[in-house]
Amino acid sequence: GTGNASEVGLTDFCDYFKGLKGGCVLWGIALLAAGQSSAITTTFTGQYVMDGFLDVRLPTWLRATATRLLAIAPCVLVSVLLPDRLNQLVNFVNSALALLLPFAFTPLVKYTTSVEYMGRFAPPRWEQLLLKSAAFAVYFINAISLSAPGGGFFGFLFEEGGNDVQYKGLLWLLMIAIQSFYLWWNINCMRTPISQ
């Protein structure tokens, strides 16, 4: 790769496709498809939450507009206020989303593999083990990336020059507290019985 590959992000990624015929167009289509996918998911999620949990009935056009504006407005605001830091913000958000994934995925696996909750629709035992292993793998990979050198929120503590970090002791305690909570929550989520 190139020397500045670690600094490449959404705002300048197309520059690396210029040697490929139609590369920037393909990049743009992929980016648009990813955006539409997340916007549609947000719209459907908003619809189910409003209809099923909150019992709020809105016309489809209003619900779609409101949920998309709610998802897009903060992005537009941040890109207007911090145009020079977009790549850094995108990397931070992606890291945070990866870290938060087990908080959605682990309960999903717990409920979908529960014979008590799913009844006859529960998956067979081998599939339950596969899904629970996947949930643990997602947690484990994210726990490692939280503290891995060069890839985590606390990775700089393990890199060369990490001894020069101000408040190093407090950062170590914070990292241990977050990692302990992360492990406890995932184990507790899988082991706590489902109350009907």
C-alpha atoms as a PDB file:
ATOM      1  CA  GLY A   1       0.000   0.000   0.000  1.00  0.00           C
ATOM      2  CA  THR A   2       0.876   3.626   0.059  1.00  0.00           C
ATOM      3  CA  GLY A   3       2.392   5.463   2.982  1.00  0.00           C
ATOM      4  CA  ASN A   4      -0.786   7.360   3.850  1.00  0.00           C
ATOM      5  CA  ALA A   5      -3.179   4.413   3.506  1.00  0.00           C
ATOM      6  CA  SER A   6      -4.174   4.645   7.176  1.00  0.00           C
ATOM      7  CA  GLU A   7      -5.484   8.180   6.566  1.00  0.00           C
ATOM      8  CA  VAL A   8      -7.708   7.304   3.601  1.00  0.00           C
ATOM      9  CA  GLY A   9     -11.430   7.759   4.176  1.00  0.00           C
ATOM     10  CA  LEU A  10     -14.751   8.446   2.484  1.00  0.00           C
ATOM     11  CA  THR A  11     -13.791  11.931   1.334  1.00  0.00           C
ATOM     12  CA  ASP A  12     -10.714  10.895  -0.668  1.00  0.00           C
ATOM     13  CA  PHE A  13     -11.145   7.163  -1.295  1.00  0.00           C
ATOM     14  CA  CYS A  14     -12.139   7.746  -4.915  1.00  0.00           C
ATOM     15  CA  ASP A  15      -8.636   9.120  -5.605  1.00  0.00           C
ATOM     16  CA  TYR A  16      -7.293   5.572  -5.245  1.00  0.00           C
ATOM     17  CA  PHE A  17      -9.672   4.273  -7.930  1.00  0.00           C
ATOM     18  CA  LYS A  18      -8.672   6.714 -10.674  1.00  0.00           C
ATOM     19  CA  GLY A  19      -6.422   4.119 -12.327  1.00  0.00           C
ATOM     20  CA  LEU A  20      -9.381   1.743 -12.650  1.00  0.00           C
ATOM     21  CA  LYS A  21     -11.743   2.550 -15.523  1.00  0.00           C
ATOM     22  CA  GLY A  22     -15.058   3.621 -13.976  1.00  0.00           C
ATOM     23  CA  GLY A  23     -13.657   3.102 -10.471  1.00  0.00           C
ATOM     24  CA  CYS A  24     -15.029   6.334  -9.043  1.00  0.00           C
ATOM     25  CA  VAL A  25     -18.459   5.642 -10.550  1.00  0.00           C
ATOM     26  CA  LEU A  26     -18.469   2.165  -8.984  1.00  0.00           C
ATOM     27  CA  TRP A  27     -17.366   3.691  -5.668  1.00  0.00           C
ATOM     28  CA  GLY A  28     -20.184   6.237  -5.879  1.00  0.00           C
ATOM     29  CA  ILE A  29     -22.784   3.544  -6.669  1.00  0.00           C
ATOM     30  CA  ALA A  30     -21.547   1.393  -3.759  1.00  0.00           C
ATOM     31  CA  LEU A  31     -21.669   4.373  -1.406  1.00  0.00           C
ATOM     32  CA  LEU A  32     -25.182   5.303  -2.569  1.00  0.00           C
ATOM     33  CA  ALA A  33     -26.358   1.689  -2.170  1.00  0.00           C
ATOM     34  CA  ALA A  34     -24.933   1.525   1.372  1.00  0.00           C
ATOM     35  CA  GLY A  35     -26.642   4.804   2.249  1.00  0.00           C
ATOM     36  CA  GLN A  36     -29.974   3.631   0.851  1.00  0.00           C
ATOM     37  CA  SER A  37     -29.672   0.344   2.709  1.00  0.00           C
ATOM     38  CA  SER A  38     -29.151   2.068   6.045  1.00  0.00           C
ATOM     39  CA  ALA A  39     -31.880   4.653   5.360  1.00  0.00           C
ATOM     40  CA  ILE A  40     -34.398   1.969   4.414  1.00  0.00           C
ATOM     41  CA  THR A  41     -33.465  -0.065   7.496  1.00  0.00           C
ATOM     42  CA  THR A  42     -33.948   3.034   9.645  1.00  0.00           C
ATOM     43  CA  THR A  43     -37.326   3.683   8.037  1.00  0.00           C
ATOM     44  CA  PHE A  44     -38.567   0.135   8.603  1.00  0.00           C
ATOM     45  CA  THR A  45     -37.231   0.093  12.160  1.00  0.00           C
ATOM     46  CA  GLY A  46     -38.959   3.377  12.893  1.00  0.00           C
ATOM     47  CA  GLN A  47     -42.179   2.019  11.406  1.00  0.00           C
ATOM     48  CA  TYR A  48     -42.157  -1.121  13.556  1.00  0.00           C
ATOM     49  CA  VAL A  49     -41.190   0.750  16.717  1.00  0.00           C
ATOM     50  CA  MET A  50     -43.894   3.382  16.184  1.00  0.00           C
ATOM     51  CA  ASP A  51     -46.610   0.920  15.147  1.00  0.00           C
ATOM     52  CA  GLY A  52     -45.807  -1.988  17.434  1.00  0.00           C
ATOM     53  CA  PHE A  53     -44.303  -0.521  20.587  1.00  0.00           C
ATOM     54  CA  LEU A  54     -45.496   3.083  20.724  1.00  0.00           C
ATOM     55  CA  ASP A  55     -48.851   2.598  18.961  1.00  0.00           C
ATOM     56  CA  VAL A  56     -48.262   5.755  16.882  1.00  0.00           C
ATOM     57  CA  ARG A  57     -50.005   5.703  13.512  1.00  0.00           C
ATOM     58  CA  LEU A  58     -48.604   8.040  10.852  1.00  0.00           C
ATOM     59  CA  PRO A  59     -49.047   8.127   7.089  1.00  0.00           C
ATOM     60  CA  THR A  60     -46.267   6.207   5.350  1.00  0.00           C
ATOM     61  CA  TRP A  61     -44.856   9.288   3.593  1.00  0.00           C
ATOM     62  CA  LEU A  62     -44.648  11.250   6.859  1.00  0.00           C
ATOM     63  CA  ARG A  63     -43.059   8.377   8.775  1.00  0.00           C
ATOM     64  CA  ALA A  64     -40.484   7.773   5.997  1.00  0.00           C
ATOM     65  CA  THR A  65     -39.652  11.480   5.783  1.00  0.00           C
ATOM     66  CA  ALA A  66     -39.385  11.911   9.558  1.00  0.00           C
ATOM     67  CA  THR A  67     -37.202   8.857  10.141  1.00  0.00           C
ATOM     68  CA  ARG A  68     -34.884   9.673   7.231  1.00  0.00           C
ATOM     69  CA  LEU A  69     -34.530  13.294   8.345  1.00  0.00           C
ATOM     70  CA  LEU A  70     -33.823  12.111  11.876  1.00  0.00           C
ATOM     71  CA  ALA A  71     -31.073   9.840  10.526  1.00  0.00           C
ATOM     72  CA  ILE A  72     -29.602  12.284   8.002  1.00  0.00           C
ATOM     73  CA  ALA A  73     -29.840  15.665   9.797  1.00  0.00           C
ATOM     74  CA  PRO A  74     -27.047  14.956  12.327  1.00  0.00           C
ATOM     75  CA  CYS A  75     -24.772  13.743   9.504  1.00  0.00           C
ATOM     76  CA  VAL A  76     -25.350  16.895   7.472  1.00  0.00           C
ATOM     77  CA  LEU A  77     -24.827  19.077  10.545  1.00  0.00           C
ATOM     78  CA  VAL A  78     -21.527  17.394  11.429  1.00  0.00           C
ATOM     79  CA  SER A  79     -20.264  17.527   7.826  1.00  0.00           C
ATOM     80  CA  VAL A  80     -21.032  21.262   7.646  1.00  0.00           C
ATOM     81  CA  LEU A  81     -19.473  22.067  11.024  1.00  0.00           C
ATOM     82  CA  LEU A  82     -16.401  19.797  10.742  1.00  0.00           C
ATOM     83  CA  PRO A  83     -15.579  19.384   7.024  1.00  0.00           C
ATOM     84  CA  ASP A  84     -11.858  18.753   7.637  1.00  0.00           C
ATOM     85  CA  ARG A  85     -12.416  15.922  10.134  1.00  0.00           C
ATOM     86  CA  LEU A  86     -14.933  13.750   8.281  1.00  0.00           C
ATOM     87  CA  ASN A  87     -12.592  10.794   7.739  1.00  0.00           C
ATOM     88  CA  GLN A  88     -11.610  10.794  11.407  1.00  0.00           C
ATOM     89  CA  LEU A  89     -15.277  11.024  12.501  1.00  0.00           C
ATOM     90  CA  VAL A  90     -16.330   8.218  10.147  1.00  0.00           C
ATOM     91  CA  ASN A  91     -13.577   5.985  11.547  1.00  0.00           C
ATOM     92  CA  PHE A  92     -14.618   6.816  15.110  1.00  0.00           C
ATOM     93  CA  VAL A  93     -18.307   6.113  14.382  1.00  0.00           C
ATOM     94  CA  ASN A  94     -17.472   2.809  12.667  1.00  0.00           C
ATOM     95  CA  SER A  95     -15.353   1.766  15.653  1.00  0.00           C
ATOM     96  CA  ALA A  96     -18.115   2.755  18.071  1.00  0.00           C
ATOM     97  CA  LEU A  97     -20.727   0.857  16.058  1.00  0.00           C
ATOM     98  CA  ALA A  98     -18.548  -2.241  16.032  1.00  0.00           C
ATOM     99  CA  LEU A  99     -18.106  -1.941  19.787  1.00  0.00           C
ATOM    100  CA  LEU A 100     -21.883  -1.574  20.267  1.00  0.00           C
ATOM    101  CA  LEU A 101     -22.803  -4.480  17.964  1.00  0.00           C
ATOM    102  CA  PRO A 102     -22.840  -7.123  20.745  1.00  0.00           C
ATOM    103  CA  PHE A 103     -25.414  -5.043  22.664  1.00  0.00           C
ATOM    104  CA  ALA A 104     -27.870  -5.742  19.822  1.00  0.00           C
ATOM    105  CA  PHE A 105     -26.584  -9.068  18.484  1.00  0.00           C
ATOM    106  CA  THR A 106     -26.209 -10.995  21.754  1.00  0.00           C
ATOM    107  CA  PRO A 107     -29.839 -10.427  22.918  1.00  0.00           C
ATOM    108  CA  LEU A 108     -31.054 -11.247  19.406  1.00  0.00           C
ATOM    109  CA  VAL A 109     -29.202 -14.570  19.519  1.00  0.00           C
ATOM    110  CA  LYS A 110     -30.449 -15.214  23.051  1.00  0.00           C
ATOM    111  CA  TYR A 111     -34.122 -14.764  22.115  1.00  0.00           C
ATOM    112  CA  THR A 112     -33.977 -16.529  18.760  1.00  0.00           C
ATOM    113  CA  THR A 113     -32.237 -19.577  20.250  1.00  0.00           C
ATOM    114  CA  SER A 114     -34.524 -19.777  23.286  1.00  0.00           C
ATOM    115  CA  VAL A 115     -36.859 -22.778  23.243  1.00  0.00           C
ATOM    116  CA  GLU A 116     -38.911 -21.127  26.023  1.00  0.00           C
ATOM    117  CA  TYR A 117     -39.419 -18.001  23.944  1.00  0.00           C
ATOM    118  CA  MET A 118     -39.513 -19.372  20.390  1.00  0.00           C
ATOM    119  CA  GLY A 119     -41.216 -22.673  21.152  1.00  0.00           C
ATOM    120  CA  ARG A 120     -41.325 -25.005  18.158  1.00  0.00           C
ATOM    121  CA  PHE A 121     -39.722 -22.311  15.988  1.00  0.00           C
ATOM    122  CA  ALA A 122     -36.456 -22.430  17.945  1.00  0.00           C
ATOM    123  CA  PRO A 123     -33.498 -23.569  15.835  1.00  0.00           C
ATOM    124  CA  PRO A 124     -31.997 -27.050  16.288  1.00  0.00           C
ATOM    125  CA  ARG A 125     -29.256 -27.513  18.882  1.00  0.00           C
ATOM    126  CA  TRP A 126     -26.356 -27.355  16.367  1.00  0.00           C
ATOM    127  CA  GLU A 127     -27.667 -24.044  15.021  1.00  0.00           C
ATOM    128  CA  GLN A 128     -28.071 -22.662  18.540  1.00  0.00           C
ATOM    129  CA  LEU A 129     -24.429 -23.508  19.264  1.00  0.00           C
ATOM    130  CA  LEU A 130     -23.343 -21.936  15.981  1.00  0.00           C
ATOM    131  CA  LEU A 131     -25.266 -18.705  16.701  1.00  0.00           C
ATOM    132  CA  LYS A 132     -24.031 -18.494  20.294  1.00  0.00           C
ATOM    133  CA  SER A 133     -20.460 -19.066  19.073  1.00  0.00           C
ATOM    134  CA  ALA A 134     -20.916 -16.267  16.522  1.00  0.00           C
ATOM    135  CA  ALA A 135     -22.228 -13.942  19.256  1.00  0.00           C
ATOM    136  CA  PHE A 136     -19.193 -14.740  21.411  1.00  0.00           C
ATOM    137  CA  ALA A 137     -16.844 -14.261  18.431  1.00  0.00           C
ATOM    138  CA  VAL A 138     -18.351 -10.823  17.704  1.00  0.00           C
ATOM    139  CA  TYR A 139     -17.884  -9.830  21.352  1.00  0.00           C
ATOM    140  CA  PHE A 140     -14.341 -11.265  21.507  1.00  0.00           C
ATOM    141  CA  ILE A 141     -13.113  -9.617  18.299  1.00  0.00           C
ATOM    142  CA  ASN A 142     -14.505  -6.263  19.406  1.00  0.00           C
ATOM    143  CA  ALA A 143     -13.030  -6.637  22.896  1.00  0.00           C
ATOM    144  CA  ILE A 144      -9.614  -7.249  21.343  1.00  0.00           C
ATOM    145  CA  SER A 145      -9.961  -4.331  18.926  1.00  0.00           C
ATOM    146  CA  LEU A 146     -10.854  -2.052  21.844  1.00  0.00           C
ATOM    147  CA  SER A 147      -7.330  -2.410  23.212  1.00  0.00           C
ATOM    148  CA  ALA A 148      -5.280  -3.644  20.237  1.00  0.00           C
ATOM    149  CA  PRO A 149      -2.230  -1.593  19.270  1.00  0.00           C
ATOM    150  CA  GLY A 150      -3.062   0.540  16.263  1.00  0.00           C
ATOM    151  CA  GLY A 151      -6.690  -0.529  16.113  1.00  0.00           C
ATOM    152  CA  GLY A 152      -8.448   0.317  19.305  1.00  0.00           C
ATOM    153  CA  PHE A 153      -9.626   3.114  21.498  1.00  0.00           C
ATOM    154  CA  PHE A 154      -6.930   2.228  24.037  1.00  0.00           C
ATOM    155  CA  GLY A 155      -4.425   0.765  21.579  1.00  0.00           C
ATOM    156  CA  PHE A 156      -2.056   3.694  21.960  1.00  0.00           C
ATOM    157  CA  LEU A 157      -1.291   2.499  25.514  1.00  0.00           C
ATOM    158  CA  PHE A 158       0.432  -0.565  24.040  1.00  0.00           C
ATOM    159  CA  GLU A 159       2.303   1.209  21.248  1.00  0.00           C
ATOM    160  CA  GLU A 160       5.837   2.535  21.328  1.00  0.00           C
ATOM    161  CA  GLY A 161       5.795   5.790  23.272  1.00  0.00           C
ATOM    162  CA  GLY A 162       2.714   4.676  25.233  1.00  0.00           C
ATOM    163  CA  ASN A 163       4.585   5.363  28.471  1.00  0.00           C
ATOM    164  CA  ASP A 164       4.585   9.076  27.650  1.00  0.00           C
ATOM    165  CA  VAL A 165       0.780   9.305  27.699  1.00  0.00           C
ATOM    166  CA  GLN A 166      -0.597  11.735  30.269  1.00  0.00           C
ATOM    167  CA  TYR A 167      -2.963  10.136  32.822  1.00  0.00           C
ATOM    168  CA  LYS A 168      -1.775   6.663  31.772  1.00  0.00           C
ATOM    169  CA  GLY A 169      -2.888   5.077  35.058  1.00  0.00           C
ATOM    170  CA  LEU A 170      -6.395   6.500  34.760  1.00  0.00           C
ATOM    171  CA  LEU A 171      -6.638   5.356  31.162  1.00  0.00           C
ATOM    172  CA  TRP A 172      -5.576   1.841  32.175  1.00  0.00           C
ATOM    173  CA  LEU A 173      -8.252   1.798  34.895  1.00  0.00           C
ATOM    174  CA  LEU A 174     -10.847   3.073  32.435  1.00  0.00           C
ATOM    175  CA  MET A 175      -9.863   0.415  29.892  1.00  0.00           C
ATOM    176  CA  ILE A 176     -10.045  -2.356  32.521  1.00  0.00           C
ATOM    177  CA  ALA A 177     -13.434  -1.076  33.739  1.00  0.00           C
ATOM    178  CA  ILE A 178     -14.861  -0.944  30.205  1.00  0.00           C
ATOM    179  CA  GLN A 179     -13.462  -4.375  29.287  1.00  0.00           C
ATOM    180  CA  SER A 180     -14.810  -5.858  32.555  1.00  0.00           C
ATOM    181  CA  PHE A 181     -18.266  -4.389  31.972  1.00  0.00           C
ATOM    182  CA  TYR A 182     -18.207  -5.544  28.351  1.00  0.00           C
ATOM    183  CA  LEU A 183     -17.394  -9.124  29.368  1.00  0.00           C
ATOM    184  CA  TRP A 184     -19.857  -9.119  32.300  1.00  0.00           C
ATOM    185  CA  TRP A 185     -22.696  -7.765  30.169  1.00  0.00           C
ATOM    186  CA  ASN A 186     -22.247 -10.339  27.413  1.00  0.00           C
ATOM    187  CA  ILE A 187     -22.046 -13.269  29.839  1.00  0.00           C
ATOM    188  CA  ASN A 188     -24.932 -11.944  31.933  1.00  0.00           C
ATOM    189  CA  CYS A 189     -27.080 -11.391  28.850  1.00  0.00           C
ATOM    190  CA  MET A 190     -26.652 -14.984  27.695  1.00  0.00           C
ATOM    191  CA  ARG A 191     -27.053 -16.561  31.144  1.00  0.00           C
ATOM    192  CA  THR A 192     -29.996 -14.592  32.581  1.00  0.00           C
ATOM    193  CA  PRO A 193     -33.240 -16.559  32.151  1.00  0.00           C
ATOM    194  CA  ILE A 194     -35.921 -15.073  29.915  1.00  0.00           C
ATOM    195  CA  SER A 195     -39.006 -14.106  31.898  1.00  0.00           C
ATOM    196  CA  GLN A 196     -42.250 -14.625  30.043  1.00  0.00           C
END
